[in-house]
Amino acid sequence: MSDRPNYTNNSQTIVLDAATFDFETLETTNGHATVVRFKLDRTDVSAGDVLVLLSGEAKDIHFHGFIGSVEDGYAVAFDRRGSLLPADTVQ
């Protein structure tokens, strides 16, 4: 019997302020951005990491989703179930 492979979970959570988050809306649902593209200056972030956008003093969650791709200095993240990030806001 062969040894089972050892998989390690290396995903991380990236927490940013929704008020200062610059993004391009790729998909919307009910006026909320559900898939976003954003500039990424960090080299330690990769697909599979989680993006969380917080807003206000109460730190309400406006976006909580997986980063699906990272390439050429940009990342794409999606939150198709609970996004509160306004799609019509010019960022």
Protein backbone atom coordinates (compact mmCIF):
# COMPACT_ATOMS: atom_id res chain seq x y z
CA MET A 1 0.00 0.00 0.00
CA SER A 2 1.42 3.39 -0.98
CA ASP A 3 1.71 6.34 1.38
CA ARG A 4 -1.06 8.92 1.25
CA PRO A 5 0.04 12.28 -0.14
CA ASN A 6 0.50 15.05 2.39
CA TYR A 7 -1.49 18.12 1.33
CA THR A 8 -0.96 21.30 3.27
CA ASN A 9 -3.46 24.16 3.18
CA ASN A 10 -1.53 27.32 2.43
CA SER A 11 -4.40 29.70 1.78
CA GLN A 12 -4.53 33.01 3.57
CA THR A 13 -7.10 35.72 4.18
CA ILE A 14 -6.45 39.19 2.75
CA VAL A 15 -8.41 41.86 4.69
CA LEU A 16 -8.86 45.30 3.10
CA ASP A 17 -10.96 48.42 3.69
CA ALA A 18 -13.99 48.48 1.35
CA ALA A 19 -13.97 52.30 1.28
CA THR A 20 -10.52 52.46 -0.29
CA PHE A 21 -10.68 49.28 -2.38
CA ASP A 22 -10.13 50.06 -6.09
CA PHE A 23 -11.76 47.51 -8.38
CA GLU A 24 -13.42 46.80 -11.70
CA THR A 25 -16.79 45.03 -11.58
CA LEU A 26 -16.90 41.95 -13.82
CA GLU A 27 -20.27 40.52 -12.69
CA THR A 28 -23.19 41.89 -10.68
CA THR A 29 -26.28 40.60 -8.90
CA ASN A 30 -29.00 42.94 -7.62
CA GLY A 31 -26.70 45.96 -7.89
CA HIS A 32 -23.82 44.35 -6.00
CA ALA A 33 -20.43 43.46 -7.45
CA THR A 34 -20.09 39.68 -7.26
CA VAL A 35 -16.93 39.25 -9.34
CA VAL A 36 -14.23 41.92 -9.16
CA ARG A 37 -10.84 42.53 -10.72
CA PHE A 38 -8.30 44.53 -8.74
CA LYS A 39 -4.66 45.55 -8.84
CA LEU A 40 -2.50 43.40 -6.62
CA ASP A 41 0.92 44.60 -5.52
CA ARG A 42 1.59 41.69 -3.17
CA THR A 43 3.57 38.72 -4.46
CA ASP A 44 2.54 36.43 -1.58
CA VAL A 45 -1.13 36.28 -2.71
CA SER A 46 -2.26 33.44 -4.96
CA ALA A 47 -5.37 31.77 -6.31
CA GLY A 48 -7.25 30.07 -3.48
CA ASP A 49 -6.62 32.85 -0.98
CA VAL A 50 -9.63 34.69 0.45
CA LEU A 51 -10.46 38.38 0.02
CA VAL A 52 -12.45 40.09 2.78
CA LEU A 53 -13.55 43.72 2.46
CA LEU A 54 -14.62 45.42 5.68
CA SER A 55 -16.47 48.71 6.04
CA GLY A 56 -17.25 51.16 8.83
CA GLU A 57 -16.43 51.21 12.50
CA ALA A 58 -18.41 48.02 13.03
CA LYS A 59 -16.23 46.37 10.38
CA ASP A 60 -19.20 45.02 8.44
CA ILE A 61 -18.25 42.47 5.80
CA HIS A 62 -19.03 43.84 2.33
CA PHE A 63 -17.28 41.15 0.31
CA HIS A 64 -16.01 37.70 1.27
CA GLY A 65 -14.81 35.48 -1.51
CA PHE A 66 -12.09 33.40 -3.09
CA ILE A 67 -9.40 34.81 -5.30
CA GLY A 68 -9.78 32.75 -8.45
CA SER A 69 -6.81 33.98 -10.46
CA VAL A 70 -3.73 36.15 -10.14
CA GLU A 71 -1.77 37.27 -13.19
CA ASP A 72 -0.02 40.31 -14.61
CA GLY A 73 -0.41 42.27 -11.36
CA TYR A 74 -4.19 41.79 -11.14
CA ALA A 75 -6.43 39.37 -9.26
CA VAL A 76 -10.03 38.28 -9.74
CA ALA A 77 -12.18 37.43 -6.72
CA PHE A 78 -15.77 36.28 -6.48
CA ASP A 79 -18.51 36.46 -3.84
CA ARG A 80 -21.68 35.35 -5.62
CA ARG A 81 -23.78 34.81 -2.48
CA GLY A 82 -23.27 37.63 -0.01
CA SER A 83 -21.57 40.59 -1.63
CA LEU A 84 -22.67 44.02 -0.42
CA LEU A 85 -20.09 45.83 -2.53
CA PRO A 86 -21.91 48.38 -4.73
CA ALA A 87 -21.45 47.60 -8.42
CA ASP A 88 -22.29 51.11 -9.59
CA THR A 89 -19.69 52.87 -7.45
CA VAL A 90 -16.87 54.33 -9.49
CA GLN A 91 -13.73 53.25 -7.73
